[in-house]
Amino acid sequence: MEELLPNLEQRGPPFLRLCLHSRDFQLGQDIVENITDSIYASRRTLCLISRNYIGSNWCSLEMQLATYRLQVEHRDILILVFLEMIPSRLLSSHHRLARLVKTRTYLDWPREPEMQEAFWDRLWCKLSSNKTN
C-alpha cells in the first residue's frame, strides 16, 4: 500500500482516488453494503491478489461482486494484479478467479526494480482510461 497510493493517487492528471476500507468505508454501515457501494460507485475495481487475499472470505465476496458487475455490465471494469506467484492448485478452488485468469489479461507485480516504472505506467493507464468496452 505504501507504493500504491503515491503511484496512483499523486500521479496525473487525471488524478485517481482509490477506495480504501480504512479511509473510505462508512463507519457503522454493514461491511457488505460498504463493499457493494464502493464497487458500484467506482469506475474500475482493482484486485490485488495474494495468498492472503484468496484465503479471505471478505476478499472472496469482493471478487464475487466485482465479477458479477463485470458480467452484467459487459464492461472492462475489473483489473487483476498478482502480487506473488500463486500455484494453480490454490487458484482452482476459487472458480471465479481461476476463470478470470484464463480469459483476461492481468498484471504481475514486477520482481525486478527496473520493471516497476513500466508496471506503474501500465496500471495507471488502465485505471485512468475512459474506455470500458
N, C-alpha and C. Protein backbone atom coordinates (compact mmCIF):
# COMPACT_ATOMS: atom_id res chain seq x y z
N MET A 1 0.82 -1.20 0.00
CA MET A 1 0.00 0.00 0.00
C MET A 1 0.86 1.25 0.00
N GLU A 2 2.02 1.15 0.63
CA GLU A 2 2.87 2.35 0.67
C GLU A 2 3.32 2.78 -0.72
N GLU A 3 3.38 1.86 -1.66
CA GLU A 3 3.73 2.22 -3.03
C GLU A 3 2.49 2.53 -3.87
N LEU A 4 1.40 1.89 -3.56
CA LEU A 4 0.18 2.02 -4.35
C LEU A 4 -0.38 3.43 -4.33
N LEU A 5 -0.55 3.99 -3.16
CA LEU A 5 -1.17 5.31 -3.05
C LEU A 5 -0.41 6.40 -3.80
N PRO A 6 0.88 6.59 -3.55
CA PRO A 6 1.55 7.68 -4.28
C PRO A 6 1.64 7.44 -5.78
N ASN A 7 1.80 6.18 -6.19
CA ASN A 7 1.93 5.90 -7.62
C ASN A 7 0.62 6.03 -8.38
N LEU A 8 -0.50 5.98 -7.70
CA LEU A 8 -1.78 6.09 -8.39
C LEU A 8 -2.53 7.37 -8.05
N GLU A 9 -2.52 7.78 -6.79
CA GLU A 9 -3.29 8.96 -6.43
C GLU A 9 -2.56 10.27 -6.68
N GLN A 10 -1.24 10.26 -6.66
CA GLN A 10 -0.50 11.50 -6.82
C GLN A 10 0.07 11.67 -8.22
N ARG A 11 -0.22 10.75 -9.07
CA ARG A 11 0.23 10.80 -10.46
C ARG A 11 -0.91 11.37 -11.29
N GLY A 12 -0.65 12.16 -12.22
CA GLY A 12 -1.75 12.68 -13.02
C GLY A 12 -1.33 13.94 -13.72
N PRO A 13 -2.23 14.66 -14.29
CA PRO A 13 -3.66 14.39 -14.34
C PRO A 13 -4.00 13.31 -15.36
N PRO A 14 -5.16 12.71 -15.30
CA PRO A 14 -6.15 12.89 -14.24
C PRO A 14 -5.68 12.22 -12.95
N PHE A 15 -6.10 12.76 -11.84
CA PHE A 15 -5.75 12.20 -10.55
C PHE A 15 -6.78 11.14 -10.18
N LEU A 16 -6.30 10.02 -9.72
CA LEU A 16 -7.18 8.92 -9.34
C LEU A 16 -7.41 8.94 -7.84
N ARG A 17 -8.52 8.41 -7.42
CA ARG A 17 -8.79 8.25 -6.00
C ARG A 17 -9.16 6.80 -5.76
N LEU A 18 -8.33 6.15 -4.97
CA LEU A 18 -8.59 4.76 -4.62
C LEU A 18 -9.59 4.71 -3.48
N CYS A 19 -10.34 3.65 -3.43
CA CYS A 19 -11.25 3.42 -2.31
C CYS A 19 -10.58 2.42 -1.38
N LEU A 20 -10.28 2.87 -0.18
CA LEU A 20 -9.64 2.02 0.82
C LEU A 20 -10.58 1.86 2.01
N HIS A 21 -10.74 0.65 2.48
CA HIS A 21 -11.69 0.45 3.58
C HIS A 21 -11.31 1.26 4.81
N SER A 22 -10.02 1.37 5.08
CA SER A 22 -9.59 2.11 6.28
C SER A 22 -9.87 3.60 6.19
N ARG A 23 -10.02 4.10 4.99
CA ARG A 23 -10.21 5.54 4.79
C ARG A 23 -11.62 5.88 4.31
N ASP A 24 -12.21 5.03 3.49
CA ASP A 24 -13.41 5.42 2.75
C ASP A 24 -14.70 4.71 3.14
N PHE A 25 -14.62 3.62 3.86
CA PHE A 25 -15.86 2.94 4.25
C PHE A 25 -16.59 3.77 5.29
N GLN A 26 -17.92 3.74 5.21
CA GLN A 26 -18.78 4.47 6.14
C GLN A 26 -18.83 3.74 7.49
N LEU A 27 -18.43 4.45 8.53
CA LEU A 27 -18.46 3.86 9.87
C LEU A 27 -19.89 3.52 10.26
N GLY A 28 -20.06 2.36 10.85
CA GLY A 28 -21.38 1.94 11.29
C GLY A 28 -22.21 1.25 10.22
N GLN A 29 -21.80 1.36 8.96
CA GLN A 29 -22.54 0.71 7.88
C GLN A 29 -22.10 -0.75 7.79
N ASP A 30 -23.00 -1.60 7.39
CA ASP A 30 -22.71 -3.01 7.19
C ASP A 30 -21.54 -3.17 6.21
N ILE A 31 -20.63 -4.09 6.51
CA ILE A 31 -19.45 -4.28 5.66
C ILE A 31 -19.84 -4.66 4.24
N VAL A 32 -20.81 -5.55 4.09
CA VAL A 32 -21.24 -5.97 2.75
C VAL A 32 -21.77 -4.77 1.97
N GLU A 33 -22.53 -3.91 2.63
CA GLU A 33 -23.03 -2.70 1.96
C GLU A 33 -21.89 -1.78 1.56
N ASN A 34 -20.91 -1.61 2.44
CA ASN A 34 -19.75 -0.79 2.11
C ASN A 34 -19.03 -1.33 0.88
N ILE A 35 -18.81 -2.63 0.84
CA ILE A 35 -18.11 -3.24 -0.29
C ILE A 35 -18.93 -3.06 -1.57
N THR A 36 -20.21 -3.38 -1.50
CA THR A 36 -21.08 -3.26 -2.67
C THR A 36 -21.15 -1.82 -3.17
N ASP A 37 -21.39 -0.89 -2.26
CA ASP A 37 -21.47 0.53 -2.65
C ASP A 37 -20.18 1.00 -3.29
N SER A 38 -19.05 0.57 -2.75
CA SER A 38 -17.76 1.00 -3.28
C SER A 38 -17.51 0.45 -4.67
N ILE A 39 -17.83 -0.81 -4.89
CA ILE A 39 -17.62 -1.41 -6.21
C ILE A 39 -18.49 -0.73 -7.26
N TYR A 40 -19.73 -0.46 -6.92
CA TYR A 40 -20.64 0.15 -7.90
C TYR A 40 -20.43 1.65 -8.06
N ALA A 41 -19.80 2.30 -7.11
CA ALA A 41 -19.51 3.73 -7.23
C ALA A 41 -18.20 3.98 -7.98
N SER A 42 -17.43 2.93 -8.20
CA SER A 42 -16.11 3.07 -8.82
C SER A 42 -16.17 2.81 -10.32
N ARG A 43 -15.29 3.49 -11.06
CA ARG A 43 -15.18 3.21 -12.50
C ARG A 43 -14.53 1.85 -12.72
N ARG A 44 -13.58 1.51 -11.89
CA ARG A 44 -12.85 0.25 -12.01
C ARG A 44 -12.69 -0.36 -10.62
N THR A 45 -12.52 -1.68 -10.61
CA THR A 45 -12.18 -2.38 -9.37
C THR A 45 -10.82 -3.01 -9.57
N LEU A 46 -9.91 -2.68 -8.68
CA LEU A 46 -8.55 -3.20 -8.71
C LEU A 46 -8.42 -4.24 -7.61
N CYS A 47 -8.14 -5.48 -7.99
CA CYS A 47 -7.95 -6.56 -7.02
C CYS A 47 -6.47 -6.92 -6.97
N LEU A 48 -5.90 -6.77 -5.81
CA LEU A 48 -4.50 -7.13 -5.58
C LEU A 48 -4.49 -8.54 -5.01
N ILE A 49 -4.07 -9.49 -5.83
CA ILE A 49 -4.20 -10.90 -5.49
C ILE A 49 -2.92 -11.41 -4.83
N SER A 50 -3.10 -12.00 -3.66
CA SER A 50 -2.01 -12.65 -2.93
C SER A 50 -2.58 -13.91 -2.27
N ARG A 51 -1.73 -14.68 -1.64
CA ARG A 51 -2.22 -15.87 -0.92
C ARG A 51 -3.18 -15.45 0.20
N ASN A 52 -2.86 -14.36 0.88
CA ASN A 52 -3.76 -13.86 1.93
C ASN A 52 -5.10 -13.46 1.34
N TYR A 53 -5.08 -12.82 0.17
CA TYR A 53 -6.32 -12.38 -0.47
C TYR A 53 -7.23 -13.57 -0.76
N ILE A 54 -6.68 -14.59 -1.40
CA ILE A 54 -7.53 -15.72 -1.78
C ILE A 54 -7.98 -16.53 -0.57
N GLY A 55 -7.32 -16.35 0.57
CA GLY A 55 -7.74 -17.03 1.79
C GLY A 55 -8.76 -16.27 2.61
N SER A 56 -9.10 -15.07 2.19
CA SER A 56 -10.00 -14.21 2.95
C SER A 56 -11.44 -14.31 2.44
N ASN A 57 -12.37 -14.51 3.35
CA ASN A 57 -13.79 -14.54 2.96
C ASN A 57 -14.26 -13.19 2.44
N TRP A 58 -13.78 -12.09 3.03
CA TRP A 58 -14.18 -10.76 2.57
C TRP A 58 -13.68 -10.51 1.15
N CYS A 59 -12.46 -10.94 0.89
CA CYS A 59 -11.91 -10.75 -0.46
C CYS A 59 -12.65 -11.63 -1.47
N SER A 60 -13.07 -12.79 -1.03
CA SER A 60 -13.87 -13.65 -1.91
C SER A 60 -15.18 -12.96 -2.27
N LEU A 61 -15.80 -12.32 -1.29
CA LEU A 61 -17.03 -11.57 -1.54
C LEU A 61 -16.76 -10.42 -2.51
N GLU A 62 -15.66 -9.70 -2.31
CA GLU A 62 -15.31 -8.61 -3.23
C GLU A 62 -15.18 -9.13 -4.65
N MET A 63 -14.52 -10.26 -4.81
CA MET A 63 -14.33 -10.84 -6.14
C MET A 63 -15.68 -11.24 -6.74
N GLN A 64 -16.56 -11.83 -5.95
CA GLN A 64 -17.88 -12.22 -6.44
C GLN A 64 -18.66 -11.00 -6.93
N LEU A 65 -18.67 -9.95 -6.14
CA LEU A 65 -19.41 -8.74 -6.52
C LEU A 65 -18.80 -8.08 -7.75
N ALA A 66 -17.48 -8.01 -7.81
CA ALA A 66 -16.82 -7.38 -8.95
C ALA A 66 -17.04 -8.18 -10.23
N THR A 67 -16.97 -9.51 -10.16
CA THR A 67 -17.19 -10.31 -11.37
C THR A 67 -18.66 -10.28 -11.77
N TYR A 68 -19.55 -10.20 -10.81
CA TYR A 68 -20.97 -10.06 -11.14
C TYR A 68 -21.20 -8.77 -11.92
N ARG A 69 -20.62 -7.67 -11.44
CA ARG A 69 -20.76 -6.40 -12.15
C ARG A 69 -20.15 -6.49 -13.54
N LEU A 70 -19.00 -7.12 -13.65
CA LEU A 70 -18.33 -7.31 -14.94
C LEU A 70 -19.24 -8.04 -15.92
N GLN A 71 -19.89 -9.11 -15.47
CA GLN A 71 -20.75 -9.91 -16.33
C GLN A 71 -22.04 -9.18 -16.70
N VAL A 72 -22.63 -8.48 -15.76
CA VAL A 72 -23.89 -7.79 -16.01
C VAL A 72 -23.71 -6.59 -16.93
N GLU A 73 -22.67 -5.81 -16.68
CA GLU A 73 -22.47 -4.58 -17.45
C GLU A 73 -21.68 -4.79 -18.73
N HIS A 74 -21.03 -5.94 -18.89
CA HIS A 74 -20.21 -6.22 -20.08
C HIS A 74 -19.22 -5.09 -20.34
N ARG A 75 -18.60 -4.62 -19.29
CA ARG A 75 -17.61 -3.54 -19.40
C ARG A 75 -16.32 -3.98 -18.72
N ASP A 76 -15.23 -3.47 -19.22
CA ASP A 76 -13.90 -3.83 -18.71
C ASP A 76 -13.61 -3.02 -17.44
N ILE A 77 -14.16 -3.47 -16.32
CA ILE A 77 -14.06 -2.69 -15.09
C ILE A 77 -13.24 -3.39 -14.01
N LEU A 78 -12.74 -4.58 -14.28
CA LEU A 78 -12.00 -5.34 -13.28
C LEU A 78 -10.55 -5.51 -13.70
N ILE A 79 -9.65 -5.11 -12.84
CA ILE A 79 -8.22 -5.22 -13.10
C ILE A 79 -7.60 -6.09 -12.02
N LEU A 80 -6.91 -7.13 -12.44
CA LEU A 80 -6.25 -8.04 -11.51
C LEU A 80 -4.75 -7.80 -11.52
N VAL A 81 -4.18 -7.72 -10.32
CA VAL A 81 -2.73 -7.62 -10.17
C VAL A 81 -2.30 -8.72 -9.20
N PHE A 82 -1.45 -9.61 -9.67
CA PHE A 82 -0.92 -10.66 -8.81
C PHE A 82 0.34 -10.16 -8.13
N LEU A 83 0.30 -10.11 -6.81
CA LEU A 83 1.43 -9.61 -6.03
C LEU A 83 2.49 -10.68 -5.83
N GLU A 84 2.12 -11.93 -6.05
CA GLU A 84 3.05 -13.05 -5.90
C GLU A 84 2.56 -14.20 -6.77
N MET A 85 3.44 -15.15 -7.01
CA MET A 85 3.06 -16.34 -7.77
C MET A 85 2.15 -17.19 -6.89
N ILE A 86 1.04 -17.61 -7.48
CA ILE A 86 0.09 -18.45 -6.75
C ILE A 86 -0.08 -19.74 -7.54
N PRO A 87 0.21 -20.88 -6.92
CA PRO A 87 0.10 -22.16 -7.63
C PRO A 87 -1.33 -22.41 -8.13
N SER A 88 -1.42 -23.09 -9.25
CA SER A 88 -2.73 -23.40 -9.85
C SER A 88 -3.64 -24.15 -8.88
N ARG A 89 -3.06 -25.01 -8.05
CA ARG A 89 -3.88 -25.78 -7.12
C ARG A 89 -4.60 -24.88 -6.12
N LEU A 90 -3.98 -23.74 -5.76
CA LEU A 90 -4.65 -22.80 -4.85
C LEU A 90 -5.73 -22.01 -5.58
N LEU A 91 -5.47 -21.69 -6.85
CA LEU A 91 -6.47 -20.94 -7.62
C LEU A 91 -7.68 -21.79 -7.99
N SER A 92 -7.47 -23.08 -8.15
CA SER A 92 -8.55 -23.94 -8.66
C SER A 92 -9.78 -23.94 -7.75
N SER A 93 -9.61 -23.72 -6.46
CA SER A 93 -10.77 -23.71 -5.57
C SER A 93 -11.51 -22.37 -5.59
N HIS A 94 -10.94 -21.39 -6.26
CA HIS A 94 -11.57 -20.08 -6.41
C HIS A 94 -12.01 -19.95 -7.87
N HIS A 95 -13.19 -20.51 -8.15
CA HIS A 95 -13.64 -20.69 -9.53
C HIS A 95 -13.70 -19.40 -10.33
N ARG A 96 -14.22 -18.34 -9.75
CA ARG A 96 -14.33 -17.08 -10.49
C ARG A 96 -12.95 -16.54 -10.85
N LEU A 97 -12.06 -16.55 -9.88
CA LEU A 97 -10.72 -16.04 -10.12
C LEU A 97 -9.99 -16.91 -11.14
N ALA A 98 -10.09 -18.22 -11.00
CA ALA A 98 -9.43 -19.13 -11.94
C ALA A 98 -9.94 -18.91 -13.36
N ARG A 99 -11.24 -18.69 -13.51
CA ARG A 99 -11.81 -18.43 -14.84
C ARG A 99 -11.30 -17.10 -15.40
N LEU A 100 -11.23 -16.08 -14.55
CA LEU A 100 -10.74 -14.78 -15.00
C LEU A 100 -9.29 -14.86 -15.47
N VAL A 101 -8.48 -15.61 -14.74
CA VAL A 101 -7.06 -15.75 -15.09
C VAL A 101 -6.91 -16.42 -16.46
N LYS A 102 -7.84 -17.31 -16.80
CA LYS A 102 -7.77 -18.00 -18.08
C LYS A 102 -8.29 -17.15 -19.24
N THR A 103 -9.13 -16.15 -18.94
CA THR A 103 -9.80 -15.42 -20.03
C THR A 103 -9.43 -13.95 -20.12
N ARG A 104 -8.72 -13.41 -19.14
CA ARG A 104 -8.42 -11.98 -19.13
C ARG A 104 -6.93 -11.75 -18.93
N THR A 105 -6.49 -10.63 -19.42
CA THR A 105 -5.11 -10.22 -19.19
C THR A 105 -5.01 -9.65 -17.78
N TYR A 106 -3.95 -9.97 -17.10
CA TYR A 106 -3.73 -9.46 -15.75
C TYR A 106 -2.28 -9.00 -15.64
N LEU A 107 -1.98 -8.29 -14.58
CA LEU A 107 -0.64 -7.79 -14.35
C LEU A 107 0.01 -8.58 -13.22
N ASP A 108 1.31 -8.79 -13.34
CA ASP A 108 2.10 -9.38 -12.26
C ASP A 108 2.95 -8.28 -11.65
N TRP A 109 3.02 -8.26 -10.33
CA TRP A 109 3.88 -7.32 -9.65
C TRP A 109 5.33 -7.62 -10.06
N PRO A 110 6.06 -6.62 -10.53
CA PRO A 110 7.43 -6.87 -11.01
C PRO A 110 8.40 -7.17 -9.87
N ARG A 111 9.20 -8.19 -10.06
CA ARG A 111 10.23 -8.54 -9.08
C ARG A 111 11.47 -7.67 -9.25
N GLU A 112 11.75 -7.30 -10.50
CA GLU A 112 12.95 -6.52 -10.80
C GLU A 112 12.64 -5.03 -10.67
N PRO A 113 13.46 -4.29 -9.93
CA PRO A 113 13.22 -2.85 -9.76
C PRO A 113 13.15 -2.09 -11.08
N GLU A 114 13.90 -2.50 -12.08
CA GLU A 114 13.90 -1.78 -13.36
C GLU A 114 12.59 -1.96 -14.13
N MET A 115 11.77 -2.90 -13.73
CA MET A 115 10.48 -3.13 -14.40
C MET A 115 9.32 -2.40 -13.71
N GLN A 116 9.58 -1.83 -12.55
CA GLN A 116 8.48 -1.23 -11.78
C GLN A 116 7.88 0.00 -12.45
N GLU A 117 8.68 0.83 -13.06
CA GLU A 117 8.14 2.04 -13.70
C GLU A 117 7.19 1.67 -14.84
N ALA A 118 7.56 0.67 -15.63
CA ALA A 118 6.67 0.21 -16.70
C ALA A 118 5.38 -0.38 -16.13
N PHE A 119 5.48 -1.09 -15.03
CA PHE A 119 4.29 -1.63 -14.36
C PHE A 119 3.36 -0.50 -13.94
N TRP A 120 3.89 0.52 -13.27
CA TRP A 120 3.05 1.63 -12.80
C TRP A 120 2.44 2.37 -13.98
N ASP A 121 3.18 2.53 -15.05
CA ASP A 121 2.63 3.19 -16.25
C ASP A 121 1.45 2.40 -16.81
N ARG A 122 1.62 1.10 -16.95
CA ARG A 122 0.54 0.26 -17.49
C ARG A 122 -0.69 0.27 -16.59
N LEU A 123 -0.47 0.14 -15.29
CA LEU A 123 -1.59 0.12 -14.36
C LEU A 123 -2.30 1.46 -14.34
N TRP A 124 -1.55 2.54 -14.28
CA TRP A 124 -2.16 3.88 -14.24
C TRP A 124 -2.96 4.14 -15.52
N CYS A 125 -2.41 3.77 -16.67
CA CYS A 125 -3.13 3.96 -17.94
C CYS A 125 -4.43 3.17 -17.95
N LYS A 126 -4.39 1.94 -17.47
CA LYS A 126 -5.60 1.11 -17.45
C LYS A 126 -6.64 1.69 -16.50
N LEU A 127 -6.22 2.15 -15.35
CA LEU A 127 -7.16 2.71 -14.37
C LEU A 127 -7.73 4.05 -14.81
N SER A 128 -6.93 4.85 -15.49
CA SER A 128 -7.37 6.20 -15.85
C SER A 128 -8.09 6.26 -17.19
N SER A 129 -8.06 5.17 -17.94
CA SER A 129 -8.70 5.14 -19.25
C SER A 129 -10.21 5.27 -19.11
N ASN A 130 -10.81 6.00 -20.03
CA ASN A 130 -12.27 6.12 -20.06
C ASN A 130 -12.91 4.95 -20.79
N LYS A 131 -12.10 4.17 -21.51
CA LYS A 131 -12.64 3.05 -22.27
C LYS A 131 -12.96 1.90 -21.32
N THR A 132 -14.20 1.45 -21.35
CA THR A 132 -14.60 0.32 -20.52
C THR A 132 -15.22 -0.79 -21.35
N ASN A 133 -15.16 -0.69 -22.66
CA ASN A 133 -15.73 -1.74 -23.51
C ASN A 133 -14.62 -2.51 -24.17
